[in-house]
PDB file of all heavy atoms in Angstrom:
ATOM      1  N   ALA A   1       0.825  -1.207   0.035  1.00  0.00           N
ATOM      2  CA  ALA A   1      -0.043   0.015   0.001  1.00  0.00           C
ATOM      3  C   ALA A   1       0.889   1.258  -0.033  1.00  0.00           C
ATOM      4  O   ALA A   1       0.473   2.270  -0.601  1.00  0.00           O
ATOM      5  CB  ALA A   1      -0.964   0.052   1.236  1.00  0.00           C
ATOM      6  N   GLY A   2       1.966   1.168   0.795  1.00  0.00           N
ATOM      7  CA  GLY A   2       2.883   2.313   0.785  1.00  0.00           C
ATOM      8  C   GLY A   2       3.369   2.701  -0.659  1.00  0.00           C
ATOM      9  O   GLY A   2       3.361   3.817  -1.064  1.00  0.00           O
ATOM     10  N   CYS A   3       3.805   1.641  -1.378  1.00  0.00           N
ATOM     11  CA  CYS A   3       4.312   1.868  -2.692  1.00  0.00           C
ATOM     12  C   CYS A   3       3.124   2.380  -3.631  1.00  0.00           C
ATOM     13  O   CYS A   3       3.378   3.288  -4.406  1.00  0.00           O
ATOM     14  CB  CYS A   3       4.849   0.536  -3.331  1.00  0.00           C
ATOM     15  SG  CYS A   3       6.376  -0.018  -2.506  1.00  0.00           S
ATOM     16  N   VAL A   4       2.049   1.826  -3.546  1.00  0.00           N
ATOM     17  CA  VAL A   4       0.825   2.252  -4.423  1.00  0.00           C
ATOM     18  C   VAL A   4       0.424   3.670  -4.030  1.00  0.00           C
ATOM     19  O   VAL A   4       0.307   4.469  -5.065  1.00  0.00           O
ATOM     20  CB  VAL A   4      -0.263   1.306  -4.243  1.00  0.00           C
ATOM     21  CG1 VAL A   4      -1.559   1.827  -4.959  1.00  0.00           C
ATOM     22  CG2 VAL A   4       0.054  -0.132  -4.763  1.00  0.00           C
ATOM     23  N   PHE A   5       0.293   3.960  -2.770  1.00  0.00           N
ATOM     24  CA  PHE A   5      -0.105   5.283  -2.358  1.00  0.00           C
ATOM     25  C   PHE A   5       0.839   6.441  -2.781  1.00  0.00           C
ATOM     26  O   PHE A   5       0.645   7.419  -3.196  1.00  0.00           O
ATOM     27  CB  PHE A   5      -0.404   5.349  -0.838  1.00  0.00           C
ATOM     28  CG  PHE A   5      -1.619   4.539  -0.404  1.00  0.00           C
ATOM     29  CD1 PHE A   5      -1.753   4.190   0.867  1.00  0.00           C
ATOM     30  CD2 PHE A   5      -2.515   3.967  -1.323  1.00  0.00           C
ATOM     31  CE1 PHE A   5      -2.851   3.415   1.246  1.00  0.00           C
ATOM     32  CE2 PHE A   5      -3.490   3.184  -1.044  1.00  0.00           C
ATOM     33  CZ  PHE A   5      -3.718   2.851   0.370  1.00  0.00           C
ATOM     34  N   ALA A   6       2.150   6.003  -2.452  1.00  0.00           N
ATOM     35  CA  ALA A   6       3.302   7.013  -2.737  1.00  0.00           C
ATOM     36  C   ALA A   6       3.415   7.179  -4.248  1.00  0.00           C
ATOM     37  O   ALA A   6       3.779   8.392  -4.627  1.00  0.00           O
ATOM     38  CB  ALA A   6       4.638   6.503  -2.132  1.00  0.00           C
ATOM     39  N   ALA A   7       3.025   6.287  -5.083  1.00  0.00           N
ATOM     40  CA  ALA A   7       3.091   6.473  -6.575  1.00  0.00           C
ATOM     41  C   ALA A   7       2.071   7.311  -7.085  1.00  0.00           C
ATOM     42  O   ALA A   7       2.081   7.807  -8.184  1.00  0.00           O
ATOM     43  CB  ALA A   7       3.126   5.094  -7.230  1.00  0.00           C
ATOM     44  N   GLY A   8       0.994   7.560  -6.252  1.00  0.00           N
ATOM     45  CA  GLY A   8      -0.112   8.279  -6.686  1.00  0.00           C
ATOM     46  C   GLY A   8      -1.009   7.852  -7.820  1.00  0.00           C
ATOM     47  O   GLY A   8      -1.548   8.485  -8.571  1.00  0.00           O
ATOM     48  N   VAL A   9      -1.142   6.493  -7.840  1.00  0.00           N
ATOM     49  CA  VAL A   9      -1.882   5.868  -8.868  1.00  0.00           C
ATOM     50  C   VAL A   9      -3.397   5.734  -8.603  1.00  0.00           C
ATOM     51  O   VAL A   9      -4.195   5.306  -9.369  1.00  0.00           O
ATOM     52  CB  VAL A   9      -1.372   4.445  -9.185  1.00  0.00           C
ATOM     53  CG1 VAL A   9       0.143   4.531  -9.682  1.00  0.00           C
ATOM     54  CG2 VAL A   9      -1.313   3.497  -7.984  1.00  0.00           C
ATOM     55  N   VAL A  10      -3.740   6.129  -7.375  1.00  0.00           N
ATOM     56  CA  VAL A  10      -5.179   6.074  -6.922  1.00  0.00           C
ATOM     57  C   VAL A  10      -5.807   7.454  -7.123  1.00  0.00           C
ATOM     58  O   VAL A  10      -5.476   8.317  -6.244  1.00  0.00           O
ATOM     59  CB  VAL A  10      -5.270   5.527  -5.493  1.00  0.00           C
ATOM     60  CG1 VAL A  10      -6.776   5.436  -5.112  1.00  0.00           C
ATOM     61  CG2 VAL A  10      -4.594   4.233  -5.318  1.00  0.00           C
ATOM     62  N   PRO A  11      -6.601   7.648  -8.092  1.00  0.00           N
ATOM     63  CA  PRO A  11      -7.314   8.995  -8.233  1.00  0.00           C
ATOM     64  C   PRO A  11      -8.341   9.086  -7.249  1.00  0.00           C
ATOM     65  O   PRO A  11      -9.235   8.316  -7.174  1.00  0.00           O
ATOM     66  CB  PRO A  11      -7.859   8.854  -9.733  1.00  0.00           C
ATOM     67  CG  PRO A  11      -8.046   7.513  -9.936  1.00  0.00           C
ATOM     68  CD  PRO A  11      -7.027   6.735  -9.186  1.00  0.00           C
ATOM     69  N   LEU A  12      -8.277  10.216  -6.439  1.00  0.00           N
ATOM     70  CA  LEU A  12      -9.345  10.483  -5.539  1.00  0.00           C
ATOM     71  C   LEU A  12     -10.636  10.995  -6.206  1.00  0.00           C
ATOM     72  O   LEU A  12     -10.499  11.715  -7.208  1.00  0.00           O
ATOM     73  CB  LEU A  12      -8.887  11.529  -4.513  1.00  0.00           C
ATOM     74  CG  LEU A  12      -7.659  10.961  -3.601  1.00  0.00           C
ATOM     75  CD1 LEU A  12      -7.168  12.084  -2.619  1.00  0.00           C
ATOM     76  CD2 LEU A  12      -8.001   9.673  -2.809  1.00  0.00           C
ATOM     77  N   PRO A  13     -11.760  10.762  -5.636  1.00  0.00           N
ATOM     78  CA  PRO A  13     -13.000  11.160  -6.308  1.00  0.00           C
ATOM     79  C   PRO A  13     -13.121  12.671  -6.476  1.00  0.00           C
ATOM     80  O   PRO A  13     -12.591  13.397  -5.600  1.00  0.00           O
ATOM     81  CB  PRO A  13     -14.073  10.629  -5.273  1.00  0.00           C
ATOM     82  CG  PRO A  13     -13.477   9.467  -4.649  1.00  0.00           C
ATOM     83  CD  PRO A  13     -12.110   9.916  -4.458  1.00  0.00           C
ATOM     84  N   ASP A  14     -13.768  13.116  -7.513  1.00  0.00           N
ATOM     85  CA  ASP A  14     -13.971  14.471  -7.774  1.00  0.00           C
ATOM     86  C   ASP A  14     -14.748  15.135  -6.589  1.00  0.00           C
ATOM     87  O   ASP A  14     -15.746  14.511  -6.123  1.00  0.00           O
ATOM     88  CB  ASP A  14     -14.565  14.734  -9.102  1.00  0.00           C
ATOM     89  CG  ASP A  14     -13.749  14.333 -10.210  1.00  0.00           C
ATOM     90  OD1 ASP A  14     -12.509  14.301 -10.086  1.00  0.00           O
ATOM     91  OD2 ASP A  14     -14.316  13.959 -11.329  1.00  0.00           O
ATOM     92  N   GLY A  15     -14.521  16.316  -6.303  1.00  0.00           N
ATOM     93  CA  GLY A  15     -15.329  17.045  -5.216  1.00  0.00           C
ATOM     94  C   GLY A  15     -14.678  16.819  -3.847  1.00  0.00           C
ATOM     95  O   GLY A  15     -15.285  17.435  -2.913  1.00  0.00           O
ATOM     96  N   TRP A  16     -13.790  15.886  -3.626  1.00  0.00           N
ATOM     97  CA  TRP A  16     -13.161  15.784  -2.398  1.00  0.00           C
ATOM     98  C   TRP A  16     -12.469  16.914  -1.913  1.00  0.00           C
ATOM     99  O   TRP A  16     -12.197  17.202  -0.729  1.00  0.00           O
ATOM    100  CB  TRP A  16     -12.332  14.498  -2.299  1.00  0.00           C
ATOM    101  CG  TRP A  16     -13.214  13.245  -1.987  1.00  0.00           C
ATOM    102  CD1 TRP A  16     -14.442  13.043  -2.410  1.00  0.00           C
ATOM    103  CD2 TRP A  16     -12.795  12.110  -1.337  1.00  0.00           C
ATOM    104  NE1 TRP A  16     -14.913  11.850  -2.090  1.00  0.00           N
ATOM    105  CE2 TRP A  16     -13.944  11.234  -1.421  1.00  0.00           C
ATOM    106  CE3 TRP A  16     -11.618  11.626  -0.823  1.00  0.00           C
ATOM    107  CZ2 TRP A  16     -13.824   9.878  -0.930  1.00  0.00           C
ATOM    108  CZ3 TRP A  16     -11.494  10.298  -0.264  1.00  0.00           C
ATOM    109  CH2 TRP A  16     -12.745   9.506  -0.257  1.00  0.00           C
ATOM    110  N   GLY A  17     -11.861  17.615  -2.807  1.00  0.00           N
ATOM    111  CA  GLY A  17     -10.983  18.838  -2.464  1.00  0.00           C
ATOM    112  C   GLY A  17      -9.685  18.520  -1.896  1.00  0.00           C
ATOM    113  O   GLY A  17      -9.117  19.429  -1.250  1.00  0.00           O
ATOM    114  N   VAL A  18      -9.292  17.354  -2.019  1.00  0.00           N
ATOM    115  CA  VAL A  18      -7.986  16.858  -1.392  1.00  0.00           C
ATOM    116  C   VAL A  18      -7.157  16.249  -2.483  1.00  0.00           C
ATOM    117  O   VAL A  18      -7.553  15.439  -3.277  1.00  0.00           O
ATOM    118  CB  VAL A  18      -8.211  15.805  -0.285  1.00  0.00           C
ATOM    119  CG1 VAL A  18      -6.836  15.401   0.246  1.00  0.00           C
ATOM    120  CG2 VAL A  18      -9.078  16.360   0.827  1.00  0.00           C
ATOM    121  N   GLY A  19      -5.923  16.646  -2.678  1.00  0.00           N
ATOM    122  CA  GLY A  19      -4.984  16.171  -3.617  1.00  0.00           C
ATOM    123  C   GLY A  19      -4.468  14.891  -3.220  1.00  0.00           C
ATOM    124  O   GLY A  19      -4.768  14.308  -2.144  1.00  0.00           O
ATOM    125  N   THR A  20      -3.447  14.386  -3.927  1.00  0.00           N
ATOM    126  CA  THR A  20      -2.914  13.103  -3.724  1.00  0.00           C
ATOM    127  C   THR A  20      -1.807  13.233  -2.681  1.00  0.00           C
ATOM    128  O   THR A  20      -1.223  12.246  -2.265  1.00  0.00           O
ATOM    129  CB  THR A  20      -2.414  12.459  -4.960  1.00  0.00           C
ATOM    130  OG1 THR A  20      -1.364  13.311  -5.585  1.00  0.00           O
ATOM    131  CG2 THR A  20      -3.561  12.139  -5.939  1.00  0.00           C
ATOM    132  N   GLU A  21      -1.300  14.392  -2.361  1.00  0.00           N
ATOM    133  CA  GLU A  21      -0.177  14.580  -1.473  1.00  0.00           C
ATOM    134  C   GLU A  21      -0.356  13.925  -0.109  1.00  0.00           C
ATOM    135  O   GLU A  21       0.677  13.264   0.335  1.00  0.00           O
ATOM    136  CB  GLU A  21       0.214  16.111  -1.360  1.00  0.00           C
ATOM    137  CG  GLU A  21       0.788  16.698  -2.585  1.00  0.00           C
ATOM    138  CD  GLU A  21      -0.211  16.902  -3.640  1.00  0.00           C
ATOM    139  OE1 GLU A  21      -1.390  17.004  -3.357  1.00  0.00           O
ATOM    140  OE2 GLU A  21       0.205  17.206  -4.819  1.00  0.00           O
ATOM    141  N   PRO A  22      -1.490  14.139   0.602  1.00  0.00           N
ATOM    142  CA  PRO A  22      -1.629  13.441   1.869  1.00  0.00           C
ATOM    143  C   PRO A  22      -1.481  11.962   1.758  1.00  0.00           C
ATOM    144  O   PRO A  22      -0.951  11.361   2.574  1.00  0.00           O
ATOM    145  CB  PRO A  22      -3.045  13.883   2.345  1.00  0.00           C
ATOM    146  CG  PRO A  22      -3.343  15.154   1.623  1.00  0.00           C
ATOM    147  CD  PRO A  22      -2.593  14.978   0.334  1.00  0.00           C
ATOM    148  N   LEU A  23      -2.151  11.312   0.646  1.00  0.00           N
ATOM    149  CA  LEU A  23      -2.066   9.919   0.507  1.00  0.00           C
ATOM    150  C   LEU A  23      -0.677   9.480   0.167  1.00  0.00           C
ATOM    151  O   LEU A  23      -0.188   8.347   0.663  1.00  0.00           O
ATOM    152  CB  LEU A  23      -3.005   9.493  -0.614  1.00  0.00           C
ATOM    153  CG  LEU A  23      -3.270   7.932  -0.689  1.00  0.00           C
ATOM    154  CD1 LEU A  23      -3.973   7.522   0.554  1.00  0.00           C
ATOM    155  CD2 LEU A  23      -4.287   7.735  -1.898  1.00  0.00           C
ATOM    156  N   ARG A  24       0.035  10.301  -0.528  1.00  0.00           N
ATOM    157  CA  ARG A  24       1.517   9.939  -0.865  1.00  0.00           C
ATOM    158  C   ARG A  24       2.274  10.007   0.361  1.00  0.00           C
ATOM    159  O   ARG A  24       3.200   9.078   0.648  1.00  0.00           O
ATOM    160  CB  ARG A  24       2.078  10.966  -1.848  1.00  0.00           C
ATOM    161  CG  ARG A  24       1.554  10.973  -3.258  1.00  0.00           C
ATOM    162  CD  ARG A  24       2.149  11.987  -4.051  1.00  0.00           C
ATOM    163  NE  ARG A  24       1.670  11.979  -5.453  1.00  0.00           N
ATOM    164  CZ  ARG A  24       2.368  11.388  -6.480  1.00  0.00           C
ATOM    165  NH1 ARG A  24       3.397  10.805  -6.288  1.00  0.00           N
ATOM    166  NH2 ARG A  24       1.786  11.450  -7.685  1.00  0.00           N
ATOM    167  N   PHE A  25       2.078  10.943   1.322  1.00  0.00           N
ATOM    168  CA  PHE A  25       2.863  10.983   2.530  1.00  0.00           C
ATOM    169  C   PHE A  25       2.481   9.738   3.347  1.00  0.00           C
ATOM    170  O   PHE A  25       3.470   9.256   4.036  1.00  0.00           O
ATOM    171  CB  PHE A  25       2.517  12.259   3.268  1.00  0.00           C
ATOM    172  CG  PHE A  25       3.144  12.434   4.684  1.00  0.00           C
ATOM    173  CD1 PHE A  25       4.499  12.793   4.657  1.00  0.00           C
ATOM    174  CD2 PHE A  25       2.357  12.327   5.825  1.00  0.00           C
ATOM    175  CE1 PHE A  25       5.117  12.914   5.888  1.00  0.00           C
ATOM    176  CE2 PHE A  25       3.037  12.515   6.995  1.00  0.00           C
ATOM    177  CZ  PHE A  25       4.402  12.759   7.063  1.00  0.00           C
ATOM    178  N   ILE A  26       1.263   9.468   3.517  1.00  0.00           N
ATOM    179  CA  ILE A  26       0.835   8.252   4.267  1.00  0.00           C
ATOM    180  C   ILE A  26       1.543   7.004   3.693  1.00  0.00           C
ATOM    181  O   ILE A  26       2.030   6.044   4.425  1.00  0.00           O
ATOM    182  CB  ILE A  26      -0.639   8.019   4.221  1.00  0.00           C
ATOM    183  CG1 ILE A  26      -1.310   9.184   5.087  1.00  0.00           C
ATOM    184  CG2 ILE A  26      -0.962   6.648   4.842  1.00  0.00           C
ATOM    185  CD1 ILE A  26      -2.870   9.172   4.924  1.00  0.00           C
ATOM    186  N   GLY A  27       1.639   6.976   2.368  1.00  0.00           N
ATOM    187  CA  GLY A  27       2.330   5.790   1.681  1.00  0.00           C
ATOM    188  C   GLY A  27       3.851   5.733   2.155  1.00  0.00           C
ATOM    189  O   GLY A  27       4.279   4.710   2.343  1.00  0.00           O
ATOM    190  N   VAL A  28       4.397   6.837   2.159  1.00  0.00           N
ATOM    191  CA  VAL A  28       5.882   6.861   2.537  1.00  0.00           C
ATOM    192  C   VAL A  28       5.987   6.377   3.953  1.00  0.00           C
ATOM    193  O   VAL A  28       7.025   5.558   4.258  1.00  0.00           O
ATOM    194  CB  VAL A  28       6.563   8.268   2.427  1.00  0.00           C
ATOM    195  CG1 VAL A  28       7.897   8.374   3.003  1.00  0.00           C
ATOM    196  CG2 VAL A  28       6.502   8.744   0.983  1.00  0.00           C
ATOM    197  N   LEU A  29       5.159   6.759   4.853  1.00  0.00           N
ATOM    198  CA  LEU A  29       5.242   6.277   6.260  1.00  0.00           C
ATOM    199  C   LEU A  29       5.010   4.847   6.365  1.00  0.00           C
ATOM    200  O   LEU A  29       5.664   4.117   7.144  1.00  0.00           O
ATOM    201  CB  LEU A  29       4.207   7.022   7.086  1.00  0.00           C
ATOM    202  CG  LEU A  29       4.400   8.616   7.272  1.00  0.00           C
ATOM    203  CD1 LEU A  29       3.308   9.146   8.218  1.00  0.00           C
ATOM    204  CD2 LEU A  29       5.750   8.869   8.001  1.00  0.00           C
ATOM    205  N   MET A  30       4.064   4.323   5.494  1.00  0.00           N
ATOM    206  CA  MET A  30       3.809   2.854   5.653  1.00  0.00           C
ATOM    207  C   MET A  30       5.011   2.048   5.078  1.00  0.00           C
ATOM    208  O   MET A  30       5.412   1.107   5.662  1.00  0.00           O
ATOM    209  CB  MET A  30       2.512   2.504   4.826  1.00  0.00           C
ATOM    210  CG  MET A  30       1.302   3.167   5.293  1.00  0.00           C
ATOM    211  SD  MET A  30      -0.174   3.010   4.227  1.00  0.00           S
ATOM    212  CE  MET A  30      -0.537   1.200   4.547  1.00  0.00           C
ATOM    213  N   MET A  31       5.605   2.559   3.977  1.00  0.00           N
ATOM    214  CA  MET A  31       6.731   1.903   3.516  1.00  0.00           C
ATOM    215  C   MET A  31       7.907   1.956   4.536  1.00  0.00           C
ATOM    216  O   MET A  31       8.623   0.834   4.729  1.00  0.00           O
ATOM    217  CB  MET A  31       7.261   2.561   2.170  1.00  0.00           C
ATOM    218  CG  MET A  31       6.384   2.429   1.048  1.00  0.00           C
ATOM    219  SD  MET A  31       6.875   3.510  -0.373  1.00  0.00           S
ATOM    220  CE  MET A  31       8.510   2.939  -0.737  1.00  0.00           C
ATOM    221  N   ALA A  32       8.067   3.034   5.189  1.00  0.00           N
ATOM    222  CA  ALA A  32       9.073   3.128   6.244  1.00  0.00           C
ATOM    223  C   ALA A  32       8.903   2.195   7.434  1.00  0.00           C
ATOM    224  O   ALA A  32       9.793   1.530   7.921  1.00  0.00           O
ATOM    225  CB  ALA A  32       9.174   4.551   6.758  1.00  0.00           C
TER     226      ALA A  32
END
């Protein structure tokens, strides 16, 4: 999950108003 999230391959639904950066950061922590 860390690799997948950090790679930003999961598009968040429109209207959430949140970019992929938080998910990428969580991914890095999970990998670590």
